[in-house]
Amino acid sequence: MSSPESISIARVLREAITVGAVRGNALTDGRFRVPYAELEARLAQWEAFLAHSGVTRDRPVVLECTTSVPGLLTLLALLRGGTSFALLPPSARAETPPPRFCSLRLRVHGTSTVEPDGLPRPEHLLEISPIAGAHAPPAGEASAPERLFVRTSGSLGVPKLVVHTHEGLLGNALNCIERLRLREDDRICVPVPLAHMFGLGAAVLPALAVGANLDLLEGASLPRFLEREERTHPTVTFLTPHLCAMVLRRRTAPVHYRQAVIAGDRMTPELFASAQALFQHIINLYGCTELGAITAVDPEAGEEPRATSVGRALPDVRIQLRPLKDSDEGEGEPPGTAGELWCHHPFAFQGYLDEDGHPWRGEPFVEDGWYRTRDLCLLHEEGTLEVLGRTDLGVKRDGRLLMLTDIEGAVQRVCGVERAVAVLGSQGLRGRRLIVFCVPREGQSLEPARVRATCLDLLPGYALPDEVRLLSTLPLLPSGKVDRQALRALAMTPPSALQQGLRP
């Protein structure tokens, strides 16, 4: 395996092809299959088509990337060619237009044309077109080669473009392999989006680097997941808690799994226990778009608390808890004390850009190389991290600072509540109204008035929700995180207008 000191996509691919070809491993997506022994020839074919279509190192492009073999081949060709690109989900799910400093849009689409060896040529799978209104990138990160631009989730505000170097992206991926214990004999299923850092940096690139069998699943649904599971018998899978809960609806537990890697949101203890029984080992992973993977549970270390811990920092990653910005306490928090997580990462991002490629001018998130995550965490004495919630999900009520995550945790203890998310509504006499959206457990019914009444025994009076609303499902971002922006919009809408989204 390539060391972090000598990272290059060319070397990583050479080593992966050597290992994967010897074992007869392949990249698959349920429709197309590329053995490692053929990967070099396929990449050369893709690179020639991109060059013929005007894709160069001199101008960034947009890749609308499906979680598929053609999507992965296009991404690898861009990385190996040193082309800077913005990685976006397919346009049908994109919430904002492509960055205006990118010249071309690359879209992966379906085709009925299949070559004799099973995979169409790239011209039958890729659509390359100019971006309307595009302009030359300004000097700086936007015009530099070997850059990856990834949009933040936008779950709490306006999305920004995070800038990574290609080298940093690969370094982050290689840094995951030992902790996640990925092996060349693994069969790895990835049903999470390739266009996000969890799917790309923690799942696909590490799996590829060890030469493992890699099965990509676009638009995962329970029937599709089960069908592919039956065909490929994966040993490892990567899931969000939402996908994990979906998979657990099965009636039988397959014996071929040895672990599942979970990221994107916090798991409930009940979900963790059920998942542990199915997948043998659960690796809770914690990271962000700016830094990639930060911590992960060691599946063989017996770290506690298993259900809520996201493990120890990855190699060469340093973490530290500091008091909240409005606190008068000194720097650093003792073990077992909640604080805001700051992180120093060897493969951190280069900065933020706006949609025109100019440096983002908002509040700085980095001080002396330390990144402020805005996550409220506990750091246990043995060095394991527990994420409690977001520090910017707080509100003053009756003169007291109230964390929305505390309310969510209390409401989720109410019998029959599967998930609860608290958001702020319109202005009231005590400040912003506090509205909690609840999803009932499967097969159970809830009454909003009963949920709120039960909260009287779980929360102080100033933290009592003003209103409880029921939803059959929570809106999610492509990354698997709850779409709090969508819930805020719902909070501003009268309940009578939301009947189609409510479960009585």
Protein backbone atom coordinates (compact mmCIF):
# COMPACT_ATOMS: atom_id res chain seq x y z
CA MET A 1 0.00 0.00 0.00
CA SER A 2 1.25 3.45 -0.84
CA SER A 3 2.43 5.46 2.14
CA PRO A 4 1.04 8.96 2.79
CA GLU A 5 4.47 10.35 1.86
CA SER A 6 4.19 9.06 -1.72
CA ILE A 7 0.52 9.50 -2.58
CA SER A 8 -0.47 9.44 -6.22
CA ILE A 9 -3.56 8.03 -7.85
CA ALA A 10 -1.38 6.34 -10.50
CA ARG A 11 0.57 4.39 -7.88
CA VAL A 12 -2.55 3.52 -5.86
CA LEU A 13 -4.24 2.19 -8.99
CA ARG A 14 -1.19 0.18 -10.07
CA GLU A 15 -1.01 -1.55 -6.71
CA ALA A 16 -4.77 -2.11 -6.59
CA ILE A 17 -4.82 -3.60 -10.09
CA THR A 18 -1.96 -5.95 -9.24
CA VAL A 19 -3.67 -7.24 -6.09
CA GLY A 20 -7.21 -7.31 -7.48
CA ALA A 21 -6.22 -9.02 -10.72
CA VAL A 22 -4.42 -11.84 -8.91
CA ARG A 23 -7.53 -12.54 -6.86
CA GLY A 24 -9.91 -12.19 -9.82
CA ASN A 25 -11.75 -9.28 -8.15
CA ALA A 26 -13.89 -6.77 -9.98
CA LEU A 27 -15.88 -3.52 -9.83
CA THR A 28 -19.61 -4.06 -10.34
CA ASP A 29 -22.86 -2.10 -10.15
CA GLY A 30 -25.49 -4.69 -10.98
CA ARG A 31 -25.33 -3.88 -14.69
CA PHE A 32 -21.68 -3.50 -15.60
CA ARG A 33 -18.63 -5.40 -14.42
CA VAL A 34 -14.98 -4.41 -14.83
CA PRO A 35 -12.39 -6.91 -13.53
CA TYR A 36 -9.26 -5.36 -12.04
CA ALA A 37 -7.31 -7.10 -14.81
CA GLU A 38 -9.12 -4.86 -17.33
CA LEU A 39 -9.18 -1.65 -15.29
CA GLU A 40 -6.07 -0.07 -16.83
CA ALA A 41 -7.39 -0.56 -20.37
CA ARG A 42 -10.79 0.86 -19.41
CA LEU A 43 -9.24 3.92 -17.76
CA ALA A 44 -7.08 4.58 -20.83
CA GLN A 45 -10.24 4.42 -22.95
CA TRP A 46 -12.03 6.89 -20.65
CA GLU A 47 -9.04 9.26 -20.54
CA ALA A 48 -8.77 9.33 -24.33
CA PHE A 49 -12.46 10.20 -24.66
CA LEU A 50 -12.22 12.99 -22.07
CA ALA A 51 -9.18 14.50 -23.80
CA HIS A 52 -10.94 14.32 -27.18
CA SER A 53 -13.94 16.12 -25.63
CA GLY A 54 -11.84 19.05 -24.38
CA VAL A 55 -11.35 18.02 -20.74
CA THR A 56 -7.89 19.19 -19.62
CA ARG A 57 -5.94 20.17 -16.52
CA ASP A 58 -6.33 23.85 -17.45
CA ARG A 59 -10.02 24.33 -16.62
CA PRO A 60 -12.20 22.79 -13.91
CA VAL A 61 -15.26 20.76 -14.89
CA VAL A 62 -18.37 19.43 -13.15
CA LEU A 63 -18.92 15.70 -12.71
CA GLU A 64 -22.50 14.73 -11.92
CA CYS A 65 -21.58 11.34 -10.58
CA THR A 66 -23.83 8.34 -10.18
CA THR A 67 -22.83 5.53 -7.84
CA SER A 68 -21.99 3.22 -10.73
CA VAL A 69 -19.06 1.70 -12.60
CA PRO A 70 -19.18 4.39 -15.35
CA GLY A 71 -19.34 7.09 -12.68
CA LEU A 72 -16.32 5.64 -10.88
CA LEU A 73 -14.32 5.24 -14.10
CA THR A 74 -14.96 8.89 -14.98
CA LEU A 75 -13.94 10.04 -11.51
CA LEU A 76 -10.73 7.97 -11.57
CA ALA A 77 -9.85 9.27 -15.04
CA LEU A 78 -10.21 12.87 -13.82
CA LEU A 79 -8.09 12.15 -10.76
CA ARG A 80 -5.34 10.44 -12.76
CA GLY A 81 -5.35 13.24 -15.34
CA GLY A 82 -4.99 15.93 -12.68
CA THR A 83 -8.19 17.70 -13.79
CA SER A 84 -9.91 19.81 -11.14
CA PHE A 85 -13.60 19.03 -10.82
CA ALA A 86 -16.68 19.76 -8.78
CA LEU A 87 -18.27 16.53 -7.61
CA LEU A 88 -22.07 16.78 -7.61
CA PRO A 89 -24.95 14.30 -7.40
CA PRO A 90 -26.93 13.63 -10.59
CA SER A 91 -28.73 16.77 -11.77
CA ALA A 92 -32.17 15.31 -11.12
CA ARG A 93 -31.32 15.52 -7.39
CA ALA A 94 -29.08 18.60 -7.45
CA GLU A 95 -30.51 21.46 -5.40
CA THR A 96 -28.42 24.25 -6.92
CA PRO A 97 -26.92 24.93 -10.38
CA PRO A 98 -23.32 23.90 -11.14
CA PRO A 99 -20.48 26.26 -10.10
CA ARG A 100 -20.10 29.04 -12.65
CA PHE A 101 -16.30 28.82 -12.83
CA CYS A 102 -16.44 25.31 -14.32
CA SER A 103 -16.45 25.03 -18.11
CA LEU A 104 -18.01 21.64 -18.87
CA ARG A 105 -20.64 19.39 -17.32
CA LEU A 106 -20.03 15.61 -17.39
CA ARG A 107 -23.15 13.51 -16.94
CA VAL A 108 -23.32 9.73 -16.70
CA HIS A 109 -26.45 8.37 -18.34
CA GLY A 110 -27.92 5.05 -19.34
CA THR A 111 -27.63 3.42 -22.75
CA SER A 112 -29.01 0.49 -24.68
CA THR A 113 -25.74 0.06 -26.58
CA VAL A 114 -23.55 -2.67 -25.09
CA GLU A 115 -20.19 -3.77 -26.47
CA PRO A 116 -19.39 -7.48 -26.87
CA ASP A 117 -17.35 -7.46 -23.65
CA GLY A 118 -20.27 -6.05 -21.66
CA LEU A 119 -19.35 -2.39 -21.06
CA PRO A 120 -20.29 0.36 -23.54
CA ARG A 121 -17.69 2.78 -24.76
CA PRO A 122 -17.53 6.05 -22.80
CA GLU A 123 -19.16 8.07 -25.62
CA HIS A 124 -22.30 5.97 -25.08
CA LEU A 125 -22.33 6.58 -21.32
CA LEU A 126 -21.05 10.12 -20.87
CA GLU A 127 -22.71 13.34 -21.97
CA ILE A 128 -20.33 16.32 -22.02
CA SER A 129 -21.78 19.79 -22.57
CA PRO A 130 -20.80 23.43 -21.93
CA ILE A 131 -22.18 25.09 -18.80
CA ALA A 132 -24.39 28.07 -19.62
CA GLY A 133 -23.07 31.33 -18.18
CA ALA A 134 -19.71 29.85 -17.22
CA HIS A 135 -16.72 32.17 -16.84
CA ALA A 136 -12.99 31.68 -16.43
CA PRO A 137 -12.01 30.75 -12.87
CA PRO A 138 -10.35 33.50 -10.82
CA ALA A 139 -6.76 33.10 -9.73
CA GLY A 140 -6.23 30.88 -6.73
CA GLU A 141 -7.76 27.55 -5.74
CA ALA A 142 -10.47 27.73 -8.42
CA SER A 143 -7.90 27.73 -11.22
CA ALA A 144 -5.34 25.35 -9.69
CA PRO A 145 -4.98 21.81 -11.09
CA GLU A 146 -5.61 18.67 -9.05
CA ARG A 147 -8.44 20.11 -6.97
CA LEU A 148 -11.71 18.53 -5.86
CA PHE A 149 -14.68 20.79 -5.06
CA VAL A 150 -17.41 19.30 -2.89
CA ARG A 151 -20.51 21.16 -1.71
CA THR A 152 -21.31 21.19 1.98
CA SER A 153 -24.63 19.59 2.87
CA GLY A 154 -26.39 22.90 3.51
CA SER A 155 -28.32 21.30 6.37
CA LEU A 156 -27.89 24.45 8.47
CA GLY A 157 -27.24 27.21 5.95
CA VAL A 158 -26.16 28.13 2.43
CA PRO A 159 -23.95 25.42 0.89
CA LYS A 160 -20.30 26.28 0.20
CA LEU A 161 -17.71 24.62 -2.01
CA VAL A 162 -15.05 22.82 -0.01
CA VAL A 163 -11.65 22.60 -1.74
CA HIS A 164 -9.54 19.44 -1.41
CA THR A 165 -6.36 18.55 -3.25
CA HIS A 166 -6.33 15.23 -5.07
CA GLU A 167 -3.40 14.21 -2.90
CA GLY A 168 -5.27 15.09 0.28
CA LEU A 169 -8.32 13.13 -0.85
CA LEU A 170 -6.19 10.03 -1.43
CA GLY A 171 -4.31 10.50 1.82
CA ASN A 172 -7.60 10.64 3.67
CA ALA A 173 -8.77 7.44 1.99
CA LEU A 174 -5.56 5.54 2.76
CA ASN A 175 -5.77 6.72 6.37
CA CYS A 176 -9.08 4.84 6.76
CA ILE A 177 -7.95 1.39 5.64
CA GLU A 178 -6.26 0.07 8.78
CA ARG A 179 -8.94 1.28 11.21
CA LEU A 180 -11.77 -0.02 9.04
CA ARG A 181 -9.82 -3.27 8.58
CA LEU A 182 -10.57 -3.50 4.86
CA ARG A 183 -8.95 -6.45 3.08
CA GLU A 184 -8.33 -7.63 -0.46
CA ASP A 185 -10.59 -10.65 0.11
CA ASP A 186 -13.54 -8.45 1.12
CA ARG A 187 -16.70 -8.06 -0.92
CA ILE A 188 -17.67 -4.45 -0.22
CA CYS A 189 -21.14 -3.08 -0.94
CA VAL A 190 -21.49 0.71 -1.22
CA PRO A 191 -25.13 1.90 -1.39
CA VAL A 192 -24.25 5.45 -0.22
CA PRO A 193 -23.65 8.22 -2.79
CA LEU A 194 -20.28 8.35 -4.50
CA ALA A 195 -20.75 12.13 -4.79
CA HIS A 196 -20.23 12.65 -1.03
CA MET A 197 -17.13 12.32 1.13
CA PHE A 198 -18.43 9.32 3.08
CA GLY A 199 -19.10 7.30 -0.05
CA LEU A 200 -15.99 8.48 -1.89
CA GLY A 201 -13.30 9.00 0.74
CA ALA A 202 -14.23 6.42 3.38
CA ALA A 203 -15.81 3.68 1.26
CA VAL A 204 -14.99 3.55 -2.46
CA LEU A 205 -11.38 4.78 -2.61
CA PRO A 206 -10.22 2.69 0.40
CA ALA A 207 -11.97 -0.40 -1.01
CA LEU A 208 -10.37 0.22 -4.40
CA ALA A 209 -6.94 0.81 -2.85
CA VAL A 210 -6.87 -2.66 -1.24
CA GLY A 211 -8.03 -4.33 -4.46
CA ALA A 212 -11.27 -5.64 -2.94
CA ASN A 213 -14.42 -6.64 -4.81
CA LEU A 214 -16.49 -3.46 -4.96
CA ASP A 215 -20.23 -3.42 -5.63
CA LEU A 216 -21.81 0.01 -6.22
CA LEU A 217 -25.52 0.57 -5.69
CA GLU A 218 -27.25 3.70 -7.00
CA GLY A 219 -30.50 4.86 -5.40
CA ALA A 220 -30.66 2.14 -2.77
CA SER A 221 -34.08 0.72 -1.92
CA LEU A 222 -34.72 -2.31 0.26
CA PRO A 223 -35.70 -4.65 -2.65
CA ARG A 224 -32.65 -3.58 -4.71
CA PHE A 225 -30.32 -3.89 -1.73
CA LEU A 226 -31.60 -7.36 -0.87
CA GLU A 227 -31.38 -8.50 -4.50
CA ARG A 228 -27.76 -7.39 -4.80
CA GLU A 229 -26.95 -8.77 -1.38
CA GLU A 230 -28.23 -12.16 -2.49
CA ARG A 231 -26.04 -12.02 -5.61
CA THR A 232 -22.78 -10.69 -4.13
CA HIS A 233 -22.79 -11.84 -0.46
CA PRO A 234 -20.96 -8.75 0.84
CA THR A 235 -18.69 -8.98 3.86
CA VAL A 236 -18.65 -5.21 4.44
CA THR A 237 -21.19 -2.50 3.75
CA PHE A 238 -21.30 1.27 4.28
CA LEU A 239 -24.61 2.75 5.47
CA THR A 240 -26.24 5.82 6.94
CA PRO A 241 -28.49 5.21 9.98
CA HIS A 242 -31.51 5.72 7.71
CA LEU A 243 -30.30 3.04 5.27
CA CYS A 244 -29.37 0.79 8.18
CA ALA A 245 -32.89 1.01 9.61
CA MET A 246 -34.26 0.17 6.16
CA VAL A 247 -32.04 -2.90 5.82
CA LEU A 248 -33.05 -4.13 9.28
CA ARG A 249 -36.62 -4.64 8.05
CA ARG A 250 -35.50 -8.00 6.67
CA ARG A 251 -36.71 -11.13 8.43
CA THR A 252 -33.53 -13.22 8.25
CA ALA A 253 -29.92 -12.38 9.07
CA PRO A 254 -27.33 -13.37 6.41
CA VAL A 255 -24.14 -14.92 7.72
CA HIS A 256 -21.70 -13.44 5.20
CA TYR A 257 -21.26 -10.03 6.87
CA ARG A 258 -18.36 -9.29 9.16
CA GLN A 259 -19.00 -5.56 9.64
CA ALA A 260 -20.94 -2.45 8.64
CA VAL A 261 -19.54 1.09 8.68
CA ILE A 262 -22.14 3.67 9.75
CA ALA A 263 -21.84 7.44 9.34
CA GLY A 264 -23.92 10.52 8.56
CA ASP A 265 -25.91 10.83 11.78
CA ARG A 266 -26.16 9.46 15.30
CA MET A 267 -27.60 5.97 15.85
CA THR A 268 -30.09 5.25 18.59
CA PRO A 269 -29.05 2.51 21.06
CA GLU A 270 -31.94 0.37 19.82
CA LEU A 271 -30.87 0.68 16.20
CA PHE A 272 -27.27 -0.08 17.15
CA ALA A 273 -28.24 -3.27 19.00
CA SER A 274 -30.30 -4.54 16.05
CA ALA A 275 -27.55 -3.66 13.56
CA GLN A 276 -24.89 -5.36 15.69
CA ALA A 277 -26.89 -8.58 15.63
CA LEU A 278 -27.14 -8.47 11.84
CA PHE A 279 -23.69 -7.26 10.76
CA GLN A 280 -21.51 -8.80 13.54
CA HIS A 281 -19.52 -5.60 14.05
CA ILE A 282 -20.64 -1.97 13.77
CA ILE A 283 -18.01 0.68 13.08
CA ASN A 284 -19.35 4.11 13.87
CA LEU A 285 -17.37 6.59 11.78
CA TYR A 286 -17.32 10.35 12.25
CA GLY A 287 -16.18 12.92 9.73
CA CYS A 288 -17.17 15.95 7.74
CA THR A 289 -16.90 17.31 4.21
CA GLU A 290 -13.98 19.56 5.16
CA LEU A 291 -11.77 16.93 6.78
CA GLY A 292 -13.06 13.59 5.56
CA ALA A 293 -12.84 10.79 8.13
CA ILE A 294 -11.82 11.98 11.62
CA THR A 295 -12.55 9.14 14.05
CA ALA A 296 -13.77 5.55 13.80
CA VAL A 297 -14.46 2.71 16.19
CA ASP A 298 -11.92 -0.12 16.18
CA PRO A 299 -14.10 -3.21 15.68
CA GLU A 300 -11.75 -5.40 17.73
CA ALA A 301 -10.85 -3.02 20.56
CA GLY A 302 -14.00 -3.36 22.69
CA GLU A 303 -14.29 0.41 23.07
CA GLU A 304 -17.15 1.70 25.19
CA PRO A 305 -19.83 3.01 25.01
CA ARG A 306 -20.28 0.99 21.80
CA ALA A 307 -23.69 2.36 20.82
CA THR A 308 -22.80 6.05 21.00
CA SER A 309 -19.01 6.17 20.57
CA VAL A 310 -17.48 7.14 17.24
CA GLY A 311 -14.13 5.78 18.38
CA ARG A 312 -10.66 7.26 18.53
CA ALA A 313 -8.98 9.71 16.19
CA LEU A 314 -7.49 8.17 13.05
CA PRO A 315 -3.68 8.10 12.66
CA ASP A 316 -2.06 11.55 12.76
CA VAL A 317 -5.43 13.22 13.45
CA ARG A 318 -5.58 15.30 16.63
CA ILE A 319 -8.81 16.23 18.39
CA GLN A 320 -9.48 18.59 21.25
CA LEU A 321 -12.56 19.82 23.09
CA ARG A 322 -12.79 23.52 23.86
CA PRO A 323 -15.42 25.51 25.74
CA LEU A 324 -18.13 27.05 23.59
CA LYS A 325 -17.21 30.38 22.02
CA ASP A 326 -19.40 32.37 24.42
CA SER A 327 -17.93 30.62 27.50
CA ASP A 328 -15.47 32.36 29.84
CA GLU A 329 -13.60 29.16 30.63
CA GLY A 330 -10.07 28.45 29.49
CA GLU A 331 -9.01 26.36 26.51
CA GLY A 332 -9.36 22.61 26.74
CA GLU A 333 -11.93 20.46 28.51
CA PRO A 334 -11.16 17.60 30.93
CA PRO A 335 -12.25 14.05 29.99
CA GLY A 336 -15.96 13.46 30.45
CA THR A 337 -16.83 17.16 30.04
CA ALA A 338 -18.84 18.28 27.01
CA GLY A 339 -17.18 20.82 24.75
CA GLU A 340 -16.90 21.94 21.15
CA LEU A 341 -14.74 19.69 19.00
CA TRP A 342 -11.71 21.15 17.22
CA CYS A 343 -9.61 18.99 14.92
CA HIS A 344 -6.13 19.13 13.39
CA HIS A 345 -6.05 16.89 10.31
CA PRO A 346 -3.10 15.99 8.05
CA PHE A 347 -5.37 15.87 4.98
CA ALA A 348 -7.60 18.86 5.66
CA PHE A 349 -9.35 20.99 3.08
CA GLN A 350 -7.74 24.07 1.53
CA GLY A 351 -10.61 26.49 2.12
CA TYR A 352 -14.07 27.46 0.87
CA LEU A 353 -15.16 28.95 -2.44
CA ASP A 354 -18.40 30.55 -3.53
CA GLU A 355 -20.20 29.56 -6.74
CA ASP A 356 -18.04 31.96 -8.80
CA GLY A 357 -14.79 30.49 -7.49
CA HIS A 358 -13.92 33.37 -5.15
CA PRO A 359 -12.80 32.70 -1.56
CA TRP A 360 -15.73 32.49 0.83
CA ARG A 361 -15.79 35.52 3.11
CA GLY A 362 -17.79 34.17 6.05
CA GLU A 363 -16.67 33.47 9.59
CA PRO A 364 -13.34 31.59 9.62
CA PHE A 365 -13.52 27.99 10.79
CA VAL A 366 -9.77 27.42 11.14
CA GLU A 367 -7.39 28.80 13.80
CA ASP A 368 -3.69 27.87 13.66
CA GLY A 369 -4.45 24.73 11.67
CA TRP A 370 -7.28 23.63 13.99
CA TYR A 371 -10.74 23.27 12.41
CA ARG A 372 -13.81 24.20 14.42
CA THR A 373 -16.37 21.47 13.73
CA ARG A 374 -19.23 23.12 15.66
CA ASP A 375 -20.07 19.71 17.06
CA LEU A 376 -20.74 19.31 20.79
CA CYS A 377 -18.89 16.22 22.01
CA LEU A 378 -17.73 14.19 24.99
CA LEU A 379 -14.16 12.88 25.06
CA HIS A 380 -13.94 9.85 27.33
CA GLU A 381 -10.84 9.04 29.39
CA GLU A 382 -9.81 6.20 27.08
CA GLY A 383 -9.76 8.66 24.15
CA THR A 384 -13.03 7.69 22.48
CA LEU A 385 -15.31 10.42 21.18
CA GLU A 386 -19.07 10.76 21.56
CA VAL A 387 -20.93 13.29 19.42
CA LEU A 388 -23.86 14.91 21.23
CA GLY A 389 -25.07 17.31 18.54
CA ARG A 390 -24.43 20.67 16.93
CA THR A 391 -23.33 23.67 19.00
CA ASP A 392 -25.16 25.98 16.59
CA LEU A 393 -28.46 24.20 17.28
CA GLY A 394 -29.21 26.26 20.36
CA VAL A 395 -31.66 28.97 21.38
CA LYS A 396 -32.23 31.32 24.32
CA ARG A 397 -35.60 30.77 26.06
CA ASP A 398 -36.58 32.46 29.30
CA GLY A 399 -32.98 33.71 29.50
CA ARG A 400 -31.48 30.20 29.38
CA LEU A 401 -29.40 28.61 26.61
CA LEU A 402 -31.25 25.54 25.36
CA MET A 403 -29.67 22.92 23.09
CA LEU A 404 -32.10 21.43 20.59
CA THR A 405 -30.26 18.10 20.79
CA ASP A 406 -31.19 17.84 24.49
CA ILE A 407 -34.86 18.22 23.57
CA GLU A 408 -34.56 15.65 20.79
CA GLY A 409 -32.96 13.14 23.15
CA ALA A 410 -35.73 13.60 25.71
CA VAL A 411 -38.56 13.29 23.18
CA GLN A 412 -37.01 10.13 21.74
CA ARG A 413 -37.42 8.54 25.17
CA VAL A 414 -41.19 8.84 24.85
CA CYS A 415 -42.74 5.44 24.19
CA GLY A 416 -43.55 4.98 20.52
CA VAL A 417 -41.20 7.68 19.17
CA GLU A 418 -38.66 6.39 16.64
CA ARG A 419 -36.99 9.72 15.86
CA ALA A 420 -37.43 13.34 16.94
CA VAL A 421 -35.98 16.54 15.48
CA ALA A 422 -36.46 19.96 17.07
CA VAL A 423 -36.48 23.18 15.03
CA LEU A 424 -37.34 26.80 15.64
CA GLY A 425 -40.57 28.27 14.31
CA SER A 426 -42.03 31.76 14.27
CA GLN A 427 -41.48 34.34 16.99
CA GLY A 428 -43.54 33.91 20.16
CA LEU A 429 -43.82 35.55 23.57
CA ARG A 430 -40.89 33.50 24.95
CA GLY A 431 -38.76 33.80 21.82
CA ARG A 432 -38.78 31.53 18.79
CA ARG A 433 -41.41 28.81 19.04
CA LEU A 434 -40.02 25.33 19.60
CA ILE A 435 -41.50 22.69 17.29
CA VAL A 436 -40.59 19.00 17.45
CA PHE A 437 -41.21 16.68 14.49
CA CYS A 438 -41.64 13.03 15.49
CA VAL A 439 -41.62 9.82 13.48
CA PRO A 440 -43.59 7.02 15.21
CA ARG A 441 -42.13 3.56 15.58
CA GLU A 442 -43.32 1.11 12.95
CA GLY A 443 -46.76 -0.28 13.83
CA GLN A 444 -47.38 2.26 16.60
CA SER A 445 -49.54 5.36 16.74
CA LEU A 446 -48.83 8.61 18.55
CA GLU A 447 -50.88 11.56 19.68
CA PRO A 448 -49.03 14.91 19.64
CA ALA A 449 -50.78 16.02 22.83
CA ARG A 450 -49.69 12.84 24.66
CA VAL A 451 -46.09 13.24 23.50
CA ARG A 452 -46.02 16.83 24.73
CA ALA A 453 -47.65 15.88 28.04
CA THR A 454 -45.06 13.14 28.61
CA CYS A 455 -42.32 15.71 28.03
CA LEU A 456 -43.47 17.48 31.23
CA ASP A 457 -41.78 14.65 33.16
CA LEU A 458 -38.64 14.68 30.98
CA LEU A 459 -37.84 18.37 30.44
CA PRO A 460 -37.82 21.57 32.48
CA GLY A 461 -40.65 23.98 31.75
CA TYR A 462 -38.55 26.36 29.67
CA ALA A 463 -37.56 23.48 27.37
CA LEU A 464 -41.07 22.15 26.78
CA PRO A 465 -41.91 22.08 23.04
CA ASP A 466 -44.59 24.54 21.98
CA GLU A 467 -45.87 22.05 19.45
CA VAL A 468 -45.36 18.42 18.43
CA ARG A 469 -46.02 17.36 14.86
CA LEU A 470 -45.98 13.84 13.41
CA LEU A 471 -44.35 12.86 10.13
CA SER A 472 -44.26 9.47 8.47
CA THR A 473 -40.61 10.10 7.47
CA LEU A 474 -38.08 12.87 7.96
CA PRO A 475 -36.73 14.77 4.93
CA LEU A 476 -33.14 13.76 4.24
CA LEU A 477 -30.25 15.24 2.30
CA PRO A 478 -28.38 13.00 -0.19
CA SER A 479 -25.69 12.57 2.49
CA GLY A 480 -28.23 10.90 4.80
CA LYS A 481 -28.41 13.81 7.25
CA VAL A 482 -31.73 15.28 8.28
CA ASP A 483 -32.69 18.24 6.11
CA ARG A 484 -33.26 20.79 8.86
CA GLN A 485 -33.86 23.54 6.32
CA ALA A 486 -36.88 21.62 5.00
CA LEU A 487 -38.16 21.08 8.54
CA ARG A 488 -37.80 24.79 9.29
CA ALA A 489 -39.96 25.52 6.26
CA LEU A 490 -42.53 23.04 7.57
CA ALA A 491 -42.37 24.68 10.98
CA MET A 492 -43.47 27.96 9.40
CA THR A 493 -46.44 26.23 7.74
CA PRO A 494 -49.75 25.76 9.64
CA PRO A 495 -50.40 22.10 10.53
CA SER A 496 -53.67 22.17 8.54
CA ALA A 497 -51.64 22.62 5.34
CA LEU A 498 -49.45 19.58 6.01
CA GLN A 499 -51.98 16.76 6.28
CA GLN A 500 -50.48 14.80 3.40
CA GLY A 501 -47.15 14.62 5.21
CA LEU A 502 -48.59 13.71 8.62
CA ARG A 503 -49.39 10.38 10.11
CA PRO A 504 -52.51 10.54 12.30
